[in-house]
């Protein structure tokens, strides 16, 4: 049931974004000039998190392949199964901003 709700939310987000883009494109075609794209702090933060997670994922994948480590193919978080390396990369990505804050507090002394 939780998975269906999650899928429904993701589908709604995708359709809402698609509709918003169509509306902006239509408004830009009427005015003759396209709107200037402005990145918000949320979009920049999300893009950075995705980039960091991708880099960590690729690094972990190369490391496990190089060392010949055998990891389980999937792991279960709550009721969702994800790739083990992706789960580790996601955890490290989400922990990274907090680890930076803690390290900055210790190095300011």
PDB file of N, CA and C in Angstrom:
ATOM      1  N   UNK A   1       0.827  -1.194   0.000  1.00  0.00           N
ATOM      2  CA  UNK A   1       0.000   0.000   0.000  1.00  0.00           C
ATOM      3  C   UNK A   1       0.870   1.257   0.000  1.00  0.00           C
ATOM      4  N   UNK A   2       1.951   1.239   0.811  1.00  0.00           N
ATOM      5  CA  UNK A   2       2.859   2.386   0.865  1.00  0.00           C
ATOM      6  C   UNK A   2       3.537   2.619  -0.475  1.00  0.00           C
ATOM      7  N   UNK A   3       3.877   1.528  -1.163  1.00  0.00           N
ATOM      8  CA  UNK A   3       4.557   1.651  -2.442  1.00  0.00           C
ATOM      9  C   UNK A   3       3.619   2.270  -3.480  1.00  0.00           C
ATOM     10  N   UNK A   4       2.357   1.848  -3.473  1.00  0.00           N
ATOM     11  CA  UNK A   4       1.395   2.425  -4.413  1.00  0.00           C
ATOM     12  C   UNK A   4       1.207   3.916  -4.176  1.00  0.00           C
ATOM     13  N   UNK A   5       1.167   4.311  -2.915  1.00  0.00           N
ATOM     14  CA  UNK A   5       1.044   5.727  -2.586  1.00  0.00           C
ATOM     15  C   UNK A   5       2.278   6.500  -3.055  1.00  0.00           C
ATOM     16  N   UNK A   6       3.460   5.926  -2.849  1.00  0.00           N
ATOM     17  CA  UNK A   6       4.694   6.554  -3.303  1.00  0.00           C
ATOM     18  C   UNK A   6       4.711   6.698  -4.818  1.00  0.00           C
ATOM     19  N   UNK A   7       4.306   5.654  -5.532  1.00  0.00           N
ATOM     20  CA  UNK A   7       4.259   5.705  -6.991  1.00  0.00           C
ATOM     21  C   UNK A   7       3.263   6.750  -7.462  1.00  0.00           C
ATOM     22  N   UNK A   8       2.115   6.825  -6.812  1.00  0.00           N
ATOM     23  CA  UNK A   8       1.104   7.817  -7.163  1.00  0.00           C
ATOM     24  C   UNK A   8       1.636   9.239  -6.981  1.00  0.00           C
ATOM     25  N   UNK A   9       2.339   9.471  -5.877  1.00  0.00           N
ATOM     26  CA  UNK A   9       2.910  10.796  -5.619  1.00  0.00           C
ATOM     27  C   UNK A   9       3.945  11.150  -6.677  1.00  0.00           C
ATOM     28  N   UNK A  10       4.806  10.206  -7.028  1.00  0.00           N
ATOM     29  CA  UNK A  10       5.834  10.461  -8.039  1.00  0.00           C
ATOM     30  C   UNK A  10       5.197  10.753  -9.398  1.00  0.00           C
ATOM     31  N   UNK A  11       4.166   9.987  -9.755  1.00  0.00           N
ATOM     32  CA  UNK A  11       3.477  10.220 -11.025  1.00  0.00           C
ATOM     33  C   UNK A  11       2.829  11.595 -11.042  1.00  0.00           C
ATOM     34  N   UNK A  12       2.210  11.983  -9.937  1.00  0.00           N
ATOM     35  CA  UNK A  12       1.592  13.299  -9.865  1.00  0.00           C
ATOM     36  C   UNK A  12       2.623  14.418  -9.982  1.00  0.00           C
ATOM     37  N   UNK A  13       3.771  14.238  -9.351  1.00  0.00           N
ATOM     38  CA  UNK A  13       4.834  15.237  -9.452  1.00  0.00           C
ATOM     39  C   UNK A  13       5.310  15.367 -10.898  1.00  0.00           C
ATOM     40  N   UNK A  14       5.495  14.226 -11.569  1.00  0.00           N
ATOM     41  CA  UNK A  14       5.958  14.253 -12.959  1.00  0.00           C
ATOM     42  C   UNK A  14       4.943  14.965 -13.845  1.00  0.00           C
ATOM     43  N   UNK A  15       3.670  14.633 -13.693  1.00  0.00           N
ATOM     44  CA  UNK A  15       2.644  15.284 -14.515  1.00  0.00           C
ATOM     45  C   UNK A  15       2.522  16.777 -14.202  1.00  0.00           C
ATOM     46  N   UNK A  16       2.659  17.136 -12.936  1.00  0.00           N
ATOM     47  CA  UNK A  16       2.590  18.548 -12.567  1.00  0.00           C
ATOM     48  C   UNK A  16       3.761  19.324 -13.169  1.00  0.00           C
ATOM     49  N   UNK A  17       4.956  18.749 -13.095  1.00  0.00           N
ATOM     50  CA  UNK A  17       6.114  19.403 -13.696  1.00  0.00           C
ATOM     51  C   UNK A  17       5.963  19.525 -15.209  1.00  0.00           C
ATOM     52  N   UNK A  18       5.446  18.472 -15.825  1.00  0.00           N
ATOM     53  CA  UNK A  18       5.239  18.490 -17.268  1.00  0.00           C
ATOM     54  C   UNK A  18       4.253  19.590 -17.669  1.00  0.00           C
ATOM     55  N   UNK A  19       3.175  19.695 -16.917  1.00  0.00           N
ATOM     56  CA  UNK A  19       2.175  20.726 -17.197  1.00  0.00           C
ATOM     57  C   UNK A  19       2.746  22.124 -16.975  1.00  0.00           C
ATOM     58  N   UNK A  20       3.516  22.294 -15.927  1.00  0.00           N
ATOM     59  CA  UNK A  20       4.125  23.594 -15.639  1.00  0.00           C
ATOM     60  C   UNK A  20       5.078  24.006 -16.764  1.00  0.00           C
ATOM     61  N   UNK A  21       5.850  23.068 -17.274  1.00  0.00           N
ATOM     62  CA  UNK A  21       6.769  23.354 -18.372  1.00  0.00           C
ATOM     63  C   UNK A  21       5.980  23.747 -19.621  1.00  0.00           C
ATOM     64  N   UNK A  22       4.911  23.024 -19.910  1.00  0.00           N
ATOM     65  CA  UNK A  22       4.081  23.368 -21.070  1.00  0.00           C
ATOM     66  C   UNK A  22       3.519  24.777 -20.940  1.00  0.00           C
ATOM     67  N   UNK A  23       3.045  25.132 -19.763  1.00  0.00           N
ATOM     68  CA  UNK A  23       2.491  26.470 -19.550  1.00  0.00           C
ATOM     69  C   UNK A  23       3.554  27.545 -19.730  1.00  0.00           C
ATOM     70  N   UNK A  24       4.740  27.300 -19.227  1.00  0.00           N
ATOM     71  CA  UNK A  24       5.823  28.277 -19.376  1.00  0.00           C
ATOM     72  C   UNK A  24       6.238  28.413 -20.833  1.00  0.00           C
ATOM     73  N   UNK A  25       6.289  27.304 -21.558  1.00  0.00           N
ATOM     74  CA  UNK A  25       6.649  27.345 -22.972  1.00  0.00           C
ATOM     75  C   UNK A  25       5.587  28.113 -23.762  1.00  0.00           C
ATOM     76  N   UNK A  26       4.328  27.879 -23.445  1.00  0.00           N
ATOM     77  CA  UNK A  26       3.240  28.566 -24.122  1.00  0.00           C
ATOM     78  C   UNK A  26       3.277  30.059 -23.818  1.00  0.00           C
ATOM     79  N   UNK A  27       3.530  30.435 -22.572  1.00  0.00           N
ATOM     80  CA  UNK A  27       3.611  31.844 -22.188  1.00  0.00           C
ATOM     81  C   UNK A  27       4.809  32.508 -22.864  1.00  0.00           C
ATOM     82  N   UNK A  28       5.908  31.793 -22.984  1.00  0.00           N
ATOM     83  CA  UNK A  28       7.094  32.353 -23.625  1.00  0.00           C
ATOM     84  C   UNK A  28       6.856  32.563 -25.111  1.00  0.00           C
ATOM     85  N   UNK A  29       6.097  31.673 -25.743  1.00  0.00           N
ATOM     86  CA  UNK A  29       5.844  31.828 -27.179  1.00  0.00           C
ATOM     87  C   UNK A  29       4.918  33.012 -27.445  1.00  0.00           C
ATOM     88  N   UNK A  30       4.028  33.347 -26.524  1.00  0.00           N
ATOM     89  CA  UNK A  30       3.145  34.497 -26.694  1.00  0.00           C
ATOM     90  C   UNK A  30       3.896  35.812 -26.525  1.00  0.00           C
ATOM     91  N   UNK A  31       4.833  35.841 -25.591  1.00  0.00           N
ATOM     92  CA  UNK A  31       5.551  37.092 -25.340  1.00  0.00           C
ATOM     93  C   UNK A  31       6.654  37.343 -26.363  1.00  0.00           C
ATOM     94  N   UNK A  32       7.036  36.325 -27.093  1.00  0.00           N
ATOM     95  CA  UNK A  32       8.066  36.490 -28.104  1.00  0.00           C
ATOM     96  C   UNK A  32       9.466  36.239 -27.581  1.00  0.00           C
ATOM     97  N   UNK A  33       9.660  36.417 -26.287  1.00  0.00           N
ATOM     98  CA  UNK A  33      10.968  36.184 -25.694  1.00  0.00           C
ATOM     99  C   UNK A  33      10.838  35.126 -24.605  1.00  0.00           C
ATOM    100  N   UNK A  34      11.734  34.149 -24.590  1.00  0.00           N
ATOM    101  CA  UNK A  34      11.659  33.144 -23.518  1.00  0.00           C
ATOM    102  C   UNK A  34      12.031  33.754 -22.179  1.00  0.00           C
ATOM    103  N   UNK A  35      11.439  33.194 -21.145  1.00  0.00           N
ATOM    104  CA  UNK A  35      11.761  33.673 -19.801  1.00  0.00           C
ATOM    105  C   UNK A  35      13.175  33.249 -19.438  1.00  0.00           C
ATOM    106  N   UNK A  36      13.821  34.063 -18.651  1.00  0.00           N
ATOM    107  CA  UNK A  36      15.147  33.724 -18.176  1.00  0.00           C
ATOM    108  C   UNK A  36      15.011  32.654 -17.097  1.00  0.00           C
ATOM    109  N   UNK A  37      15.827  31.639 -17.183  1.00  0.00           N
ATOM    110  CA  UNK A  37      15.780  30.561 -16.211  1.00  0.00           C
ATOM    111  C   UNK A  37      16.511  31.000 -14.960  1.00  0.00           C
ATOM    112  N   UNK A  38      15.839  30.878 -13.827  1.00  0.00           N
ATOM    113  CA  UNK A  38      16.434  31.248 -12.549  1.00  0.00           C
ATOM    114  C   UNK A  38      16.467  30.013 -11.664  1.00  0.00           C
ATOM    115  N   UNK A  39      17.647  29.687 -11.227  1.00  0.00           N
ATOM    116  CA  UNK A  39      17.802  28.534 -10.346  1.00  0.00           C
ATOM    117  C   UNK A  39      17.487  28.952  -8.919  1.00  0.00           C
ATOM    118  N   UNK A  40      16.670  28.147  -8.261  1.00  0.00           N
ATOM    119  CA  UNK A  40      16.356  28.424  -6.866  1.00  0.00           C
ATOM    120  C   UNK A  40      17.352  27.678  -5.979  1.00  0.00           C
ATOM    121  N   UNK A  41      17.463  28.075  -4.730  1.00  0.00           N
ATOM    122  CA  UNK A  41      18.360  27.347  -3.825  1.00  0.00           C
ATOM    123  C   UNK A  41      17.963  25.878  -3.675  1.00  0.00           C
ATOM    124  N   UNK A  42      16.675  25.592  -3.724  1.00  0.00           N
ATOM    125  CA  UNK A  42      16.225  24.202  -3.602  1.00  0.00           C
ATOM    126  C   UNK A  42      16.676  23.390  -4.814  1.00  0.00           C
ATOM    127  N   UNK A  43      16.497  23.955  -6.010  1.00  0.00           N
ATOM    128  CA  UNK A  43      16.887  23.215  -7.213  1.00  0.00           C
ATOM    129  C   UNK A  43      18.405  23.018  -7.271  1.00  0.00           C
ATOM    130  N   UNK A  44      19.152  24.023  -6.842  1.00  0.00           N
ATOM    131  CA  UNK A  44      20.606  23.880  -6.814  1.00  0.00           C
ATOM    132  C   UNK A  44      21.039  22.820  -5.805  1.00  0.00           C
ATOM    133  N   UNK A  45      20.406  22.818  -4.637  1.00  0.00           N
ATOM    134  CA  UNK A  45      20.751  21.828  -3.614  1.00  0.00           C
ATOM    135  C   UNK A  45      20.409  20.419  -4.078  1.00  0.00           C
ATOM    136  N   UNK A  46      19.254  20.266  -4.719  1.00  0.00           N
ATOM    137  CA  UNK A  46      18.853  18.957  -5.219  1.00  0.00           C
ATOM    138  C   UNK A  46      19.806  18.475  -6.306  1.00  0.00           C
ATOM    139  N   UNK A  47      20.207  19.371  -7.198  1.00  0.00           N
ATOM    140  CA  UNK A  47      21.150  19.008  -8.252  1.00  0.00           C
ATOM    141  C   UNK A  47      22.504  18.590  -7.661  1.00  0.00           C
ATOM    142  N   UNK A  48      22.949  19.299  -6.622  1.00  0.00           N
ATOM    143  CA  UNK A  48      24.210  18.937  -5.974  1.00  0.00           C
ATOM    144  C   UNK A  48      24.119  17.582  -5.288  1.00  0.00           C
ATOM    145  N   UNK A  49      22.989  17.323  -4.611  1.00  0.00           N
ATOM    146  CA  UNK A  49      22.831  16.032  -3.947  1.00  0.00           C
ATOM    147  C   UNK A  49      22.823  14.889  -4.951  1.00  0.00           C
ATOM    148  N   UNK A  50      22.155  15.071  -6.072  1.00  0.00           N
ATOM    149  CA  UNK A  50      22.122  14.033  -7.101  1.00  0.00           C
ATOM    150  C   UNK A  50      23.518  13.817  -7.675  1.00  0.00           C
ATOM    151  N   UNK A  51      24.254  14.900  -7.905  1.00  0.00           N
ATOM    152  CA  UNK A  51      25.613  14.780  -8.437  1.00  0.00           C
ATOM    153  C   UNK A  51      26.533  14.070  -7.453  1.00  0.00           C
ATOM    154  N   UNK A  52      26.418  14.412  -6.184  1.00  0.00           N
ATOM    155  CA  UNK A  52      27.252  13.773  -5.161  1.00  0.00           C
ATOM    156  C   UNK A  52      26.912  12.292  -5.040  1.00  0.00           C
ATOM    157  N   UNK A  53      25.611  11.983  -5.025  1.00  0.00           N
ATOM    158  CA  UNK A  53      25.187  10.579  -4.920  1.00  0.00           C
ATOM    159  C   UNK A  53      25.690   9.772  -6.117  1.00  0.00           C
ATOM    160  N   UNK A  54      25.633  10.358  -7.307  1.00  0.00           N
ATOM    161  CA  UNK A  54      26.133   9.666  -8.495  1.00  0.00           C
ATOM    162  C   UNK A  54      27.629   9.420  -8.428  1.00  0.00           C
ATOM    163  N   UNK A  55      28.371  10.412  -7.966  1.00  0.00           N
ATOM    164  CA  UNK A  55      29.818  10.242  -7.836  1.00  0.00           C
ATOM    165  C   UNK A  55      30.188   9.182  -6.806  1.00  0.00           C
ATOM    166  N   UNK A  56      29.498   9.203  -5.677  1.00  0.00           N
ATOM    167  CA  UNK A  56      29.760   8.203  -4.639  1.00  0.00           C
ATOM    168  C   UNK A  56      29.386   6.813  -5.148  1.00  0.00           C
ATOM    169  N   UNK A  57      28.248   6.712  -5.843  1.00  0.00           N
ATOM    170  CA  UNK A  57      27.812   5.417  -6.381  1.00  0.00           C
ATOM    171  C   UNK A  57      28.858   4.845  -7.332  1.00  0.00           C
ATOM    172  N   UNK A  58      29.333   5.667  -8.269  1.00  0.00           N
ATOM    173  CA  UNK A  58      30.327   5.180  -9.223  1.00  0.00           C
ATOM    174  C   UNK A  58      31.629   4.803  -8.530  1.00  0.00           C
ATOM    175  N   UNK A  59      32.047   5.586  -7.542  1.00  0.00           N
ATOM    176  CA  UNK A  59      33.275   5.269  -6.803  1.00  0.00           C
ATOM    177  C   UNK A  59      33.137   3.960  -6.039  1.00  0.00           C
ATOM    178  N   UNK A  60      32.006   3.775  -5.370  1.00  0.00           N
ATOM    179  CA  UNK A  60      31.790   2.523  -4.635  1.00  0.00           C
ATOM    180  C   UNK A  60      31.702   1.332  -5.578  1.00  0.00           C
ATOM    181  N   UNK A  61      31.072   1.515  -6.719  1.00  0.00           N
ATOM    182  CA  UNK A  61      30.967   0.436  -7.699  1.00  0.00           C
ATOM    183  C   UNK A  61      32.345   0.023  -8.212  1.00  0.00           C
ATOM    184  N   UNK A  62      33.182   1.010  -8.530  1.00  0.00           N
ATOM    185  CA  UNK A  62      34.542   0.702  -8.991  1.00  0.00           C
ATOM    186  C   UNK A  62      35.359   0.049  -7.881  1.00  0.00           C
ATOM    187  N   UNK A  63      35.194   0.527  -6.643  1.00  0.00           N
ATOM    188  CA  UNK A  63      35.945  -0.035  -5.518  1.00  0.00           C
ATOM    189  C   UNK A  63      35.559  -1.490  -5.266  1.00  0.00           C
ATOM    190  N   UNK A  64      34.267  -1.778  -5.247  1.00  0.00           N
ATOM    191  CA  UNK A  64      33.834  -3.160  -5.002  1.00  0.00           C
ATOM    192  C   UNK A  64      34.241  -4.073  -6.152  1.00  0.00           C
ATOM    193  N   UNK A  65      34.211  -3.570  -7.370  1.00  0.00           N
ATOM    194  CA  UNK A  65      34.631  -4.378  -8.517  1.00  0.00           C
ATOM    195  C   UNK A  65      36.135  -4.624  -8.461  1.00  0.00           C
ATOM    196  N   UNK A  66      36.909  -3.590  -8.159  1.00  0.00           N
ATOM    197  CA  UNK A  66      38.362  -3.715  -8.093  1.00  0.00           C
ATOM    198  C   UNK A  66      38.787  -4.684  -7.001  1.00  0.00           C
ATOM    199  N   UNK A  67      38.147  -4.574  -5.829  1.00  0.00           N
ATOM    200  CA  UNK A  67      38.515  -5.437  -4.711  1.00  0.00           C
ATOM    201  C   UNK A  67      37.856  -6.808  -4.779  1.00  0.00           C
ATOM    202  N   UNK A  68      36.893  -6.970  -5.678  1.00  0.00           N
ATOM    203  CA  UNK A  68      36.205  -8.249  -5.818  1.00  0.00           C
ATOM    204  C   UNK A  68      35.281  -8.558  -4.657  1.00  0.00           C
ATOM    205  N   UNK A  69      34.731  -7.528  -4.047  1.00  0.00           N
ATOM    206  CA  UNK A  69      33.834  -7.717  -2.911  1.00  0.00           C
ATOM    207  C   UNK A  69      32.480  -8.236  -3.373  1.00  0.00           C
ATOM    208  N   UNK A  70      31.915  -9.141  -2.607  1.00  0.00           N
ATOM    209  CA  UNK A  70      30.581  -9.665  -2.900  1.00  0.00           C
ATOM    210  C   UNK A  70      29.592  -9.029  -1.945  1.00  0.00           C
ATOM    211  N   UNK A  71      28.730  -8.174  -2.465  1.00  0.00           N
ATOM    212  CA  UNK A  71      27.690  -7.532  -1.672  1.00  0.00           C
ATOM    213  C   UNK A  71      26.335  -8.083  -2.087  1.00  0.00           C
ATOM    214  N   UNK A  72      25.375  -8.084  -1.166  1.00  0.00           N
ATOM    215  CA  UNK A  72      24.029  -8.479  -1.587  1.00  0.00           C
ATOM    216  C   UNK A  72      23.533  -7.543  -2.686  1.00  0.00           C
ATOM    217  N   UNK A  73      22.764  -8.072  -3.616  1.00  0.00           N
ATOM    218  CA  UNK A  73      22.344  -7.242  -4.745  1.00  0.00           C
ATOM    219  C   UNK A  73      21.347  -6.166  -4.331  1.00  0.00           C
ATOM    220  N   UNK A  74      20.486  -6.466  -3.363  1.00  0.00           N
ATOM    221  CA  UNK A  74      19.515  -5.471  -2.910  1.00  0.00           C
ATOM    222  C   UNK A  74      19.472  -5.434  -1.391  1.00  0.00           C
ATOM    223  N   UNK A  75      18.972  -4.313  -0.874  1.00  0.00           N
ATOM    224  CA  UNK A  75      18.729  -4.193   0.558  1.00  0.00           C
ATOM    225  C   UNK A  75      17.352  -3.581   0.739  1.00  0.00           C
ATOM    226  N   UNK A  76      16.725  -3.889   1.852  1.00  0.00           N
ATOM    227  CA  UNK A  76      15.368  -3.428   2.095  1.00  0.00           C
ATOM    228  C   UNK A  76      15.389  -2.287   3.104  1.00  0.00           C
ATOM    229  N   UNK A  77      14.857  -1.121   2.694  1.00  0.00           N
ATOM    230  CA  UNK A  77      14.713   0.029   3.575  1.00  0.00           C
ATOM    231  C   UNK A  77      13.224   0.297   3.688  1.00  0.00           C
ATOM    232  N   UNK A  78      12.717   0.225   4.894  1.00  0.00           N
ATOM    233  CA  UNK A  78      11.289   0.293   5.195  1.00  0.00           C
ATOM    234  C   UNK A  78      10.608  -0.827   4.420  1.00  0.00           C
ATOM    235  N   UNK A  79       9.940  -0.542   3.321  1.00  0.00           N
ATOM    236  CA  UNK A  79       9.322  -1.606   2.537  1.00  0.00           C
ATOM    237  C   UNK A  79       9.768  -1.542   1.082  1.00  0.00           C
ATOM    238  N   UNK A  80      10.853  -0.827   0.820  1.00  0.00           N
ATOM    239  CA  UNK A  80      11.339  -0.655  -0.537  1.00  0.00           C
ATOM    240  C   UNK A  80      12.703  -1.321  -0.665  1.00  0.00           C
ATOM    241  N   UNK A  81      12.860  -2.142  -1.710  1.00  0.00           N
ATOM    242  CA  UNK A  81      14.150  -2.767  -1.972  1.00  0.00           C
ATOM    243  C   UNK A  81      14.921  -1.921  -2.970  1.00  0.00           C
ATOM    244  N   UNK A  82      16.174  -1.605  -2.625  1.00  0.00           N
ATOM    245  CA  UNK A  82      17.034  -0.838  -3.525  1.00  0.00           C
ATOM    246  C   UNK A  82      18.387  -1.530  -3.641  1.00  0.00           C
ATOM    247  N   UNK A  83      19.129  -1.142  -4.634  1.00  0.00           N
ATOM    248  CA  UNK A  83      20.475  -1.651  -4.847  1.00  0.00           C
ATOM    249  C   UNK A  83      21.325  -1.314  -3.618  1.00  0.00           C
ATOM    250  N   UNK A  84      22.121  -2.259  -3.167  1.00  0.00           N
ATOM    251  CA  UNK A  84      22.918  -2.068  -1.957  1.00  0.00           C
ATOM    252  C   UNK A  84      23.890  -0.895  -2.101  1.00  0.00           C
ATOM    253  N   UNK A  85      24.589  -0.831  -3.219  1.00  0.00           N
ATOM    254  CA  UNK A  85      25.554   0.253  -3.410  1.00  0.00           C
ATOM    255  C   UNK A  85      24.823   1.589  -3.499  1.00  0.00           C
ATOM    256  N   UNK A  86      23.665   1.607  -4.145  1.00  0.00           N
ATOM    257  CA  UNK A  86      22.878   2.839  -4.233  1.00  0.00           C
ATOM    258  C   UNK A  86      22.407   3.276  -2.846  1.00  0.00           C
ATOM    259  N   UNK A  87      22.034   2.323  -1.998  1.00  0.00           N
ATOM    260  CA  UNK A  87      21.620   2.650  -0.636  1.00  0.00           C
ATOM    261  C   UNK A  87      22.748   3.246   0.182  1.00  0.00           C
ATOM    262  N   UNK A  88      23.922   2.667   0.045  1.00  0.00           N
ATOM    263  CA  UNK A  88      25.090   3.208   0.755  1.00  0.00           C
ATOM    264  C   UNK A  88      25.423   4.601   0.240  1.00  0.00           C
ATOM    265  N   UNK A  89      25.384   4.781  -1.075  1.00  0.00           N
ATOM    266  CA  UNK A  89      25.666   6.093  -1.664  1.00  0.00           C
ATOM    267  C   UNK A  89      24.633   7.119  -1.205  1.00  0.00           C
ATOM    268  N   UNK A  90      23.374   6.724  -1.153  1.00  0.00           N
ATOM    269  CA  UNK A  90      22.322   7.632  -0.701  1.00  0.00           C
ATOM    270  C   UNK A  90      22.530   8.029   0.755  1.00  0.00           C
ATOM    271  N   UNK A  91      22.869   7.062   1.602  1.00  0.00           N
ATOM    272  CA  UNK A  91      23.109   7.354   3.013  1.00  0.00           C
ATOM    273  C   UNK A  91      24.285   8.316   3.177  1.00  0.00           C
ATOM    274  N   UNK A  92      25.385   8.045   2.474  1.00  0.00           N
ATOM    275  CA  UNK A  92      26.556   8.919   2.577  1.00  0.00           C
ATOM    276  C   UNK A  92      26.260  10.313   2.038  1.00  0.00           C
ATOM    277  N   UNK A  93      25.473  10.387   0.981  1.00  0.00           N
ATOM    278  CA  UNK A  93      25.108  11.688   0.408  1.00  0.00           C
ATOM    279  C   UNK A  93      24.263  12.496   1.369  1.00  0.00           C
ATOM    280  N   UNK A  94      23.314  11.847   2.020  1.00  0.00           N
ATOM    281  CA  UNK A  94      22.447  12.555   2.955  1.00  0.00           C
ATOM    282  C   UNK A  94      23.186  12.928   4.240  1.00  0.00           C
ATOM    283  N   UNK A  95      24.196  12.153   4.605  1.00  0.00           N
ATOM    284  CA  UNK A  95      24.959  12.446   5.817  1.00  0.00           C
ATOM    285  C   UNK A  95      26.041  13.501   5.577  1.00  0.00           C
ATOM    286  N   UNK A  96      26.450  13.689   4.327  1.00  0.00           N
ATOM    287  CA  UNK A  96      27.570  14.582   4.001  1.00  0.00           C
ATOM    288  C   UNK A  96      27.386  16.022   4.469  1.00  0.00           C
ATOM    289  N   UNK A  97      26.229  16.670   4.275  1.00  0.00           N
ATOM    290  CA  UNK A  97      26.110  18.056   4.744  1.00  0.00           C
ATOM    291  C   UNK A  97      26.257  18.191   6.264  1.00  0.00           C
ATOM    292  N   UNK A  98      25.749  17.204   6.985  1.00  0.00           N
ATOM    293  CA  UNK A  98      25.848  17.245   8.444  1.00  0.00           C
ATOM    294  C   UNK A  98      27.274  16.977   8.905  1.00  0.00           C
ATOM    295  N   UNK A  99      27.968  16.095   8.197  1.00  0.00           N
ATOM    296  CA  UNK A  99      29.362  15.821   8.528  1.00  0.00           C
ATOM    297  C   UNK A  99      30.221  17.054   8.253  1.00  0.00           C
ATOM    298  N   UNK A 100      29.914  17.797   7.191  1.00  0.00           N
ATOM    299  CA  UNK A 100      30.641  19.039   6.910  1.00  0.00           C
ATOM    300  C   UNK A 100      30.416  20.071   8.006  1.00  0.00           C
ATOM    301  N   UNK A 101      29.179  20.182   8.471  1.00  0.00           N
ATOM    302  CA  UNK A 101      28.875  21.143   9.544  1.00  0.00           C
ATOM    303  C   UNK A 101      29.643  20.796  10.814  1.00  0.00           C
ATOM    304  N   UNK A 102      29.685  19.519  11.156  1.00  0.00           N
ATOM    305  CA  UNK A 102      30.397  19.085  12.355  1.00  0.00           C
ATOM    306  C   UNK A 102      31.890  19.332  12.201  1.00  0.00           C
ATOM    307  N   UNK A 103      32.446  19.025  11.032  1.00  0.00           N
ATOM    308  CA  UNK A 103      33.889  19.234  10.838  1.00  0.00           C
ATOM    309  C   UNK A 103      34.256  20.715  10.861  1.00  0.00           C
ATOM    310  N   UNK A 104      33.375  21.577  10.371  1.00  0.00           N
ATOM    311  CA  UNK A 104      33.634  23.021  10.413  1.00  0.00           C
ATOM    312  C   UNK A 104      33.623  23.542  11.843  1.00  0.00           C
ATOM    313  N   UNK A 105      32.772  22.990  12.696  1.00  0.00           N
ATOM    314  CA  UNK A 105      32.737  23.413  14.098  1.00  0.00           C
ATOM    315  C   UNK A 105      34.016  23.038  14.818  1.00  0.00           C
ATOM    316  N   UNK A 106      34.578  21.863  14.498  1.00  0.00           N
ATOM    317  CA  UNK A 106      35.799  21.426  15.155  1.00  0.00           C
ATOM    318  C   UNK A 106      37.021  22.168  14.634  1.00  0.00           C
ATOM    319  N   UNK A 107      37.008  22.559  13.386  1.00  0.00           N
ATOM    320  CA  UNK A 107      38.198  23.213  12.813  1.00  0.00           C
ATOM    321  C   UNK A 107      38.226  24.720  13.081  1.00  0.00           C
ATOM    322  N   UNK A 108      37.137  25.314  13.523  1.00  0.00           N
ATOM    323  CA  UNK A 108      37.124  26.746  13.823  1.00  0.00           C
ATOM    324  C   UNK A 108      37.863  27.083  15.099  1.00  0.00           C
ATOM    325  N   UNK A 109      38.107  26.158  15.961  1.00  0.00           N
ATOM    326  CA  UNK A 109      38.751  26.426  17.253  1.00  0.00           C
ATOM    327  C   UNK A 109      40.166  26.744  17.116  1.00  0.00           C
TER     328      UNK A 109
END
